[in-house]
Structures are given as structure tokens and as C-alpha cells.
Amino acid sequence: TNGGPAALLRQAGKPAHQWIRFRLRGPGNNTSAIGATVRVRLGQETQTRMVRSGGSYLSQSALEVTFGLGKRQSVDDVEVRWPDGTVRSYGTRAAGKVYRLSPGD
């Protein structure tokens, strides 16, 4: 709210659906992996998120990327296109966890 008080929203209940989250650690000076693209494959479905540092006025985008998985218990594959252009596949991952990935993993 422009000109209004700050608000903090919190998820008080247990989520009804599954999720998966990734924290990327880039090489060199770009340790936050800004510009990396994460793609998860769930059967025929694909979801993509980019690590971004921007936001809007007085805000910040999370450096982690989160995917909603519905009722699925895992993703079939995780692929990261790192800022330098290299692409790496990380295989199947279980839902409900936070994974730390780097190009050398």
C-alpha cells in the first residue's frame, strides 16, 4: 500500500499442496546466481523460474525459487541454466524440501 503501513503476511496453516524450493550458489562474483533459470519437469509439464534480484519500490525478490507441485511428491528432473550459459541437470528431487545447488554439484 503506497503511503500506508507495512504489512506482514504469514501462512498459519499447513499447506494443502506440495512445493519444492532451490537456493542457488553461483561461481565467481555472482554468488547469488542472479540470472540463472531453474526448470522442473513433472511428467509432460514444465515450470520455469529465474533468479532475480529486483523488485519494486522498497521491496526485494527472494533469491530462492519456489515451485508449486500440487499433489505430486517429487519432480522428475531439475535443470539449471547458469548465468554463464552452462546447463546442468540435477535429476529427481522430493517435494517439501529446500535444495542448495551449485554448478559443481
Protein backbone atom coordinates (compact mmCIF):
# COMPACT_ATOMS: atom_id res chain seq x y z
CA THR A 1 0.00 0.00 0.00
CA ASN A 2 1.64 3.21 -1.13
CA GLY A 3 1.76 5.68 1.73
CA GLY A 4 0.22 3.14 4.12
CA PRO A 5 1.62 0.99 6.88
CA ALA A 6 3.76 -2.05 6.14
CA ALA A 7 2.02 -5.43 6.25
CA LEU A 8 3.41 -8.85 7.04
CA LEU A 9 1.54 -11.91 5.78
CA ARG A 10 2.15 -15.33 7.29
CA GLN A 11 0.93 -18.79 6.30
CA ALA A 12 -0.53 -20.02 9.59
CA GLY A 13 -1.82 -23.42 8.48
CA LYS A 14 -0.18 -26.40 6.87
CA PRO A 15 -0.10 -26.04 3.06
CA ALA A 16 -2.63 -28.24 1.27
CA HIS A 17 -0.29 -28.93 -1.65
CA GLN A 18 3.36 -29.81 -2.23
CA TRP A 19 6.21 -27.46 -3.08
CA ILE A 20 9.94 -27.54 -3.78
CA ARG A 21 12.50 -24.75 -3.36
CA PHE A 22 16.03 -24.15 -4.65
CA ARG A 23 18.82 -21.94 -3.33
CA LEU A 24 21.49 -21.48 -5.98
CA ARG A 25 25.11 -20.66 -5.28
CA GLY A 26 26.83 -19.25 -8.32
CA PRO A 27 30.55 -19.15 -9.04
CA GLY A 28 32.79 -16.10 -9.02
CA ASN A 29 31.34 -12.71 -8.14
CA ASN A 30 27.74 -13.77 -8.86
CA THR A 31 27.37 -15.96 -5.77
CA SER A 32 23.60 -15.37 -5.68
CA ALA A 33 23.34 -16.82 -9.22
CA ILE A 34 21.35 -13.80 -10.45
CA GLY A 35 20.08 -14.61 -13.95
CA ALA A 36 20.08 -18.39 -13.53
CA THR A 37 16.99 -20.19 -14.80
CA VAL A 38 15.62 -23.24 -12.98
CA ARG A 39 13.31 -25.62 -14.83
CA VAL A 40 11.48 -28.51 -13.18
CA ARG A 41 9.83 -31.30 -15.14
CA LEU A 42 6.75 -33.09 -13.83
CA GLY A 43 5.75 -35.65 -16.45
CA GLN A 44 4.70 -33.63 -19.52
CA GLU A 45 4.51 -30.39 -17.52
CA THR A 46 7.43 -27.98 -17.15
CA GLN A 47 7.73 -24.99 -14.83
CA THR A 48 10.44 -22.34 -15.07
CA ARG A 49 11.66 -19.65 -12.67
CA MET A 50 14.52 -17.16 -12.90
CA VAL A 51 16.67 -15.98 -10.01
CA ARG A 52 16.11 -12.22 -9.89
CA SER A 53 17.36 -9.54 -7.56
CA GLY A 54 14.92 -6.81 -8.47
CA GLY A 55 11.56 -6.00 -7.09
CA SER A 56 9.60 -2.85 -6.77
CA TYR A 57 9.81 0.19 -4.55
CA LEU A 58 11.13 -0.77 -1.07
CA SER A 59 10.93 -4.49 -1.82
CA GLN A 60 13.21 -7.37 -2.76
CA SER A 61 12.56 -10.54 -4.72
CA ALA A 62 13.52 -13.73 -2.91
CA LEU A 63 16.76 -15.16 -4.28
CA GLU A 64 15.32 -18.67 -3.83
CA VAL A 65 12.99 -20.11 -6.46
CA THR A 66 9.88 -21.98 -5.35
CA PHE A 67 7.61 -24.23 -7.38
CA GLY A 68 4.10 -25.39 -6.52
CA LEU A 69 3.69 -29.10 -7.23
CA GLY A 70 0.03 -29.73 -6.42
CA LYS A 71 -0.32 -33.28 -5.11
CA ARG A 72 2.95 -34.52 -6.66
CA GLN A 73 5.53 -35.93 -4.25
CA SER A 74 8.57 -35.26 -6.46
CA VAL A 75 9.84 -33.69 -9.67
CA ASP A 76 11.18 -35.84 -12.48
CA ASP A 77 14.11 -33.58 -13.26
CA VAL A 78 15.65 -30.25 -12.25
CA GLU A 79 17.64 -28.34 -14.85
CA VAL A 80 19.58 -25.15 -14.19
CA ARG A 81 20.87 -22.80 -16.86
CA TRP A 82 23.60 -20.93 -15.01
CA PRO A 83 24.36 -17.27 -15.82
CA ASP A 84 27.46 -18.25 -17.81
CA GLY A 85 25.25 -20.32 -20.16
CA THR A 86 26.16 -23.79 -18.90
CA VAL A 87 23.24 -26.15 -18.36
CA ARG A 88 23.21 -28.84 -15.70
CA SER A 89 20.62 -31.49 -14.83
CA TYR A 90 20.19 -32.49 -11.18
CA GLY A 91 17.75 -35.39 -11.54
CA THR A 92 14.73 -36.34 -9.45
CA ARG A 93 14.06 -34.45 -6.22
CA ALA A 94 11.48 -34.99 -3.47
CA ALA A 95 8.85 -32.37 -2.66
CA GLY A 96 8.69 -30.40 0.57
CA LYS A 97 12.41 -29.66 0.75
CA VAL A 98 14.85 -26.84 0.09
CA TYR A 99 17.80 -27.85 -2.08
CA ARG A 100 21.10 -25.99 -2.39
CA LEU A 101 22.57 -26.28 -5.88
CA SER A 102 25.81 -25.06 -7.40
CA PRO A 103 27.37 -25.72 -10.81
CA GLY A 104 29.82 -28.23 -9.33
CA ASP A 105 27.19 -30.39 -7.60
